[in-house]
C-alpha atoms as a PDB file:
ATOM      1  CA  MET A   1      84.566 -51.999 -56.171  1.00  0.00           C
ATOM      2  CA  ASP A   2      85.378 -49.029 -53.913  1.00  0.00           C
ATOM      3  CA  SER A   3      84.260 -45.635 -55.057  1.00  0.00           C
ATOM      4  CA  ILE A   4      86.826 -43.486 -56.626  1.00  0.00           C
ATOM      5  CA  LYS A   5      87.334 -40.410 -54.481  1.00  0.00           C
ATOM      6  CA  ILE A   6      88.604 -37.285 -56.312  1.00  0.00           C
ATOM      7  CA  ALA A   7      89.608 -33.898 -54.765  1.00  0.00           C
ATOM      8  CA  VAL A   8      89.200 -30.672 -56.662  1.00  0.00           C
ATOM      9  CA  ILE A   9      91.038 -27.574 -55.441  1.00  0.00           C
ATOM     10  CA  ASP A  10      90.188 -24.364 -57.079  1.00  0.00           C
ATOM     11  CA  ASP A  11      89.295 -20.877 -55.778  1.00  0.00           C
ATOM     12  CA  GLU A  12      86.707 -20.240 -58.608  1.00  0.00           C
ATOM     13  CA  GLU A  13      83.381 -21.873 -57.568  1.00  0.00           C
ATOM     14  CA  GLY A  14      82.340 -22.274 -61.370  1.00  0.00           C
ATOM     15  CA  VAL A  15      85.444 -24.438 -62.078  1.00  0.00           C
ATOM     16  CA  ARG A  16      84.801 -26.500 -58.895  1.00  0.00           C
ATOM     17  CA  GLU A  17      81.273 -27.111 -59.975  1.00  0.00           C
ATOM     18  CA  SER A  18      82.208 -27.874 -63.555  1.00  0.00           C
ATOM     19  CA  PHE A  19      84.472 -30.540 -62.402  1.00  0.00           C
ATOM     20  CA  LYS A  20      82.032 -31.899 -59.894  1.00  0.00           C
ATOM     21  CA  MET A  21      79.506 -32.239 -62.777  1.00  0.00           C
ATOM     22  CA  ILE A  22      81.834 -33.684 -65.142  1.00  0.00           C
ATOM     23  CA  LEU A  23      83.058 -36.336 -62.618  1.00  0.00           C
ATOM     24  CA  LYS A  24      79.724 -37.118 -61.041  1.00  0.00           C
ATOM     25  CA  ILE A  25      78.498 -38.417 -64.517  1.00  0.00           C
ATOM     26  CA  LYS A  26      80.982 -41.292 -64.011  1.00  0.00           C
ATOM     27  CA  ASP A  27      79.898 -41.711 -60.401  1.00  0.00           C
ATOM     28  CA  TYR A  28      83.093 -40.639 -59.012  1.00  0.00           C
ATOM     29  CA  ASP A  29      82.923 -39.380 -55.288  1.00  0.00           C
ATOM     30  CA  VAL A  30      84.069 -35.622 -55.515  1.00  0.00           C
ATOM     31  CA  GLU A  31      85.021 -33.315 -52.728  1.00  0.00           C
ATOM     32  CA  THR A  32      85.936 -29.674 -53.563  1.00  0.00           C
ATOM     33  CA  PHE A  33      88.169 -27.306 -51.758  1.00  0.00           C
ATOM     34  CA  GLU A  34      88.403 -23.425 -52.117  1.00  0.00           C
ATOM     35  CA  THR A  35      91.965 -23.060 -51.023  1.00  0.00           C
ATOM     36  CA  GLY A  36      95.204 -25.070 -50.700  1.00  0.00           C
ATOM     37  CA  GLU A  37      95.408 -24.656 -47.065  1.00  0.00           C
ATOM     38  CA  VAL A  38      91.932 -26.152 -46.536  1.00  0.00           C
ATOM     39  CA  ALA A  39      92.802 -29.041 -48.884  1.00  0.00           C
ATOM     40  CA  VAL A  40      96.018 -29.889 -47.373  1.00  0.00           C
ATOM     41  CA  ASP A  41      94.499 -29.970 -43.881  1.00  0.00           C
ATOM     42  CA  GLY A  42      91.450 -31.803 -45.146  1.00  0.00           C
ATOM     43  CA  ILE A  43      93.059 -34.506 -47.179  1.00  0.00           C
ATOM     44  CA  GLN A  44      94.227 -37.477 -45.195  1.00  0.00           C
ATOM     45  CA  LYS A  45      96.632 -40.158 -46.366  1.00  0.00           C
ATOM     46  CA  ASP A  46      94.745 -42.707 -48.764  1.00  0.00           C
ATOM     47  CA  ALA A  47      91.464 -40.776 -48.509  1.00  0.00           C
ATOM     48  CA  PHE A  48      91.667 -39.793 -52.292  1.00  0.00           C
ATOM     49  CA  ASP A  49      92.722 -41.442 -55.459  1.00  0.00           C
ATOM     50  CA  LEU A  50      93.233 -38.116 -57.388  1.00  0.00           C
ATOM     51  CA  ALA A  51      93.334 -34.497 -56.892  1.00  0.00           C
ATOM     52  CA  PHE A  52      92.953 -31.740 -59.416  1.00  0.00           C
ATOM     53  CA  VAL A  53      94.816 -28.605 -58.231  1.00  0.00           C
ATOM     54  CA  ASP A  54      94.630 -25.126 -59.657  1.00  0.00           C
ATOM     55  CA  TYR A  55      98.056 -23.658 -60.228  1.00  0.00           C
ATOM     56  CA  LYS A  56      96.947 -20.126 -59.213  1.00  0.00           C
ATOM     57  CA  LEU A  57      95.390 -20.260 -55.789  1.00  0.00           C
ATOM     58  CA  PRO A  58      95.180 -17.563 -52.946  1.00  0.00           C
ATOM     59  CA  GLY A  59      97.686 -18.265 -50.307  1.00  0.00           C
ATOM     60  CA  ILE A  60      99.866 -21.245 -51.195  1.00  0.00           C
ATOM     61  CA  ASP A  61      99.958 -21.931 -54.921  1.00  0.00           C
ATOM     62  CA  GLY A  62      99.077 -25.170 -56.649  1.00  0.00           C
ATOM     63  CA  ILE A  63     102.919 -26.157 -56.789  1.00  0.00           C
ATOM     64  CA  GLU A  64     103.228 -25.804 -53.045  1.00  0.00           C
ATOM     65  CA  VAL A  65      99.951 -27.751 -52.558  1.00  0.00           C
ATOM     66  CA  LEU A  66     101.257 -30.498 -54.840  1.00  0.00           C
ATOM     67  CA  ARG A  67     104.419 -30.679 -52.758  1.00  0.00           C
ATOM     68  CA  ARG A  68     102.507 -30.973 -49.419  1.00  0.00           C
ATOM     69  CA  LEU A  69      99.985 -33.474 -50.685  1.00  0.00           C
ATOM     70  CA  LYS A  70     102.753 -35.698 -52.019  1.00  0.00           C
ATOM     71  CA  GLN A  71     104.501 -35.365 -48.590  1.00  0.00           C
ATOM     72  CA  LYS A  72     101.341 -36.495 -46.945  1.00  0.00           C
ATOM     73  CA  ASP A  73     100.332 -39.248 -49.347  1.00  0.00           C
ATOM     74  CA  PRO A  74     102.986 -40.195 -51.963  1.00  0.00           C
ATOM     75  CA  ASN A  75     100.474 -42.532 -53.744  1.00  0.00           C
ATOM     76  CA  LEU A  76      97.908 -39.629 -54.328  1.00  0.00           C
ATOM     77  CA  GLU A  77      97.866 -38.724 -58.033  1.00  0.00           C
ATOM     78  CA  VAL A  78      97.892 -34.969 -58.573  1.00  0.00           C
ATOM     79  CA  VAL A  79      96.963 -33.033 -61.829  1.00  0.00           C
ATOM     80  CA  ILE A  80      97.899 -29.369 -61.847  1.00  0.00           C
ATOM     81  CA  VAL A  81      95.321 -27.302 -63.747  1.00  0.00           C
ATOM     82  CA  THR A  82      96.169 -23.968 -65.078  1.00  0.00           C
ATOM     83  CA  ALA A  83      95.164 -21.036 -67.537  1.00  0.00           C
ATOM     84  CA  TYR A  84      98.676 -19.720 -66.951  1.00  0.00           C
ATOM     85  CA  ALA A  85     100.748 -22.163 -68.568  1.00  0.00           C
ATOM     86  CA  SER A  86     104.549 -21.943 -68.776  1.00  0.00           C
ATOM     87  CA  GLU A  87     107.352 -24.369 -69.654  1.00  0.00           C
ATOM     88  CA  GLN A  88     108.906 -23.805 -66.169  1.00  0.00           C
ATOM     89  CA  SER A  89     105.832 -24.337 -64.074  1.00  0.00           C
ATOM     90  CA  HIS A  90     105.083 -27.394 -66.188  1.00  0.00           C
ATOM     91  CA  ALA A  91     108.547 -28.856 -65.646  1.00  0.00           C
ATOM     92  CA  ASN A  92     108.281 -27.908 -61.941  1.00  0.00           C
ATOM     93  CA  ALA A  93     105.003 -29.687 -61.631  1.00  0.00           C
ATOM     94  CA  ILE A  94     106.081 -32.880 -63.299  1.00  0.00           C
ATOM     95  CA  THR A  95     109.331 -32.909 -61.407  1.00  0.00           C
ATOM     96  CA  LEU A  96     107.527 -32.758 -58.081  1.00  0.00           C
ATOM     97  CA  GLY A  97     105.404 -35.777 -59.033  1.00  0.00           C
ATOM     98  CA  ALA A  98     102.298 -34.350 -60.832  1.00  0.00           C
ATOM     99  CA  LEU A  99     100.689 -36.861 -63.064  1.00  0.00           C
ATOM    100  CA  GLU A 100      99.897 -34.138 -65.722  1.00  0.00           C
ATOM    101  CA  TYR A 101      99.625 -30.429 -66.228  1.00  0.00           C
ATOM    102  CA  LEU A 102      96.265 -29.761 -67.795  1.00  0.00           C
ATOM    103  CA  ARG A 103      95.723 -26.368 -69.445  1.00  0.00           C
ATOM    104  CA  LYS A 104      92.387 -24.485 -69.172  1.00  0.00           C
ATOM    105  CA  PRO A 105      89.999 -24.658 -70.931  1.00  0.00           C
ATOM    106  CA  PHE A 106      89.823 -28.457 -71.174  1.00  0.00           C
ATOM    107  CA  LEU A 107      87.450 -30.923 -72.593  1.00  0.00           C
ATOM    108  CA  MET A 108      85.437 -33.425 -70.591  1.00  0.00           C
ATOM    109  CA  GLU A 109      87.225 -36.285 -72.361  1.00  0.00           C
ATOM    110  CA  GLU A 110      90.588 -35.041 -71.199  1.00  0.00           C
ATOM    111  CA  ILE A 111      89.317 -35.216 -67.526  1.00  0.00           C
ATOM    112  CA  TYR A 112      88.098 -38.741 -67.977  1.00  0.00           C
ATOM    113  CA  GLU A 113      91.273 -39.872 -69.545  1.00  0.00           C
ATOM    114  CA  LEU A 114      93.400 -38.315 -66.635  1.00  0.00           C
ATOM    115  CA  VAL A 115      91.346 -40.186 -64.153  1.00  0.00           C
ATOM    116  CA  GLU A 116      91.670 -43.418 -65.929  1.00  0.00           C
ATOM    117  CA  ARG A 117      95.525 -42.797 -66.221  1.00  0.00           C
ATOM    118  CA  ALA A 118      95.652 -41.943 -62.504  1.00  0.00           C
ATOM    119  CA  LEU A 119      93.641 -45.186 -61.494  1.00  0.00           C
ATOM    120  CA  ARG A 120      96.036 -47.425 -63.800  1.00  0.00           C
ATOM    121  CA  LYS A 121      98.965 -45.987 -62.205  1.00  0.00           C
ATOM    122  CA  ARG A 122      97.785 -46.412 -58.505  1.00  0.00           C
ATOM    123  CA  ARG A 123      96.869 -49.953 -59.477  1.00  0.00           C
ATOM    124  CA  ALA A 124     100.270 -50.654 -60.751  1.00  0.00           C
ATOM    125  CA  LYS A 125     101.851 -49.091 -57.710  1.00  0.00           C
ATOM    126  CA  SER A 126      99.675 -51.233 -55.514  1.00  0.00           C
ATOM    127  CA  ILE A 127     100.439 -54.450 -57.368  1.00  0.00           C
ATOM    128  CA  GLN A 128     104.264 -53.625 -57.155  1.00  0.00           C
ATOM    129  CA  LYS A 129     104.052 -52.888 -53.471  1.00  0.00           C
ATOM    130  CA  LYS A 130     102.415 -56.311 -52.809  1.00  0.00           C
ATOM    131  CA  GLY A 131     105.231 -57.967 -54.956  1.00  0.00           C
ATOM    132  CA  GLY A 132     103.015 -59.269 -57.715  1.00  0.00           C
ATOM    133  CA  ASN A 133     103.182 -58.455 -61.332  1.00  0.00           C
ATOM    134  CA  LEU A 134     100.765 -57.111 -63.844  1.00  0.00           C
ATOM    135  CA  GLY A 135     100.079 -60.251 -65.568  1.00  0.00           C
ATOM    136  CA  PRO A 136     100.481 -60.805 -69.276  1.00  0.00           C
ATOM    137  CA  VAL A 137     100.730 -57.862 -71.568  1.00  0.00           C
ATOM    138  CA  HIS A 138      98.453 -58.266 -74.716  1.00  0.00           C
END
């Protein structure tokens, strides 16, 4: 099986390191980015399976990062992470194609569940694109 590549975009080093430690436990390949601009420039189409993007970033914010990443790679699953939750930003993120809107502080189990959801969604899209079906549902 190919390794699962996950991008973490957050301006706080402690948050990036926390994500990295949590995700490395499951042997995911993790790359971190300090700003949205660096992430958008550094993430190539089909290079990552999932991105965790902080809502409040210096320069371009997480919603703009989401928009640009989805333009570059519509199959990339994106989770917006925030300590500044609002109904409007939540609705905006989901409308723009975010898989989920995760509020800080979060639990390790929430991260693993989101990764699994993202991978299931990517597999389903891949199967649909190939014209197959998902097989029997039990």
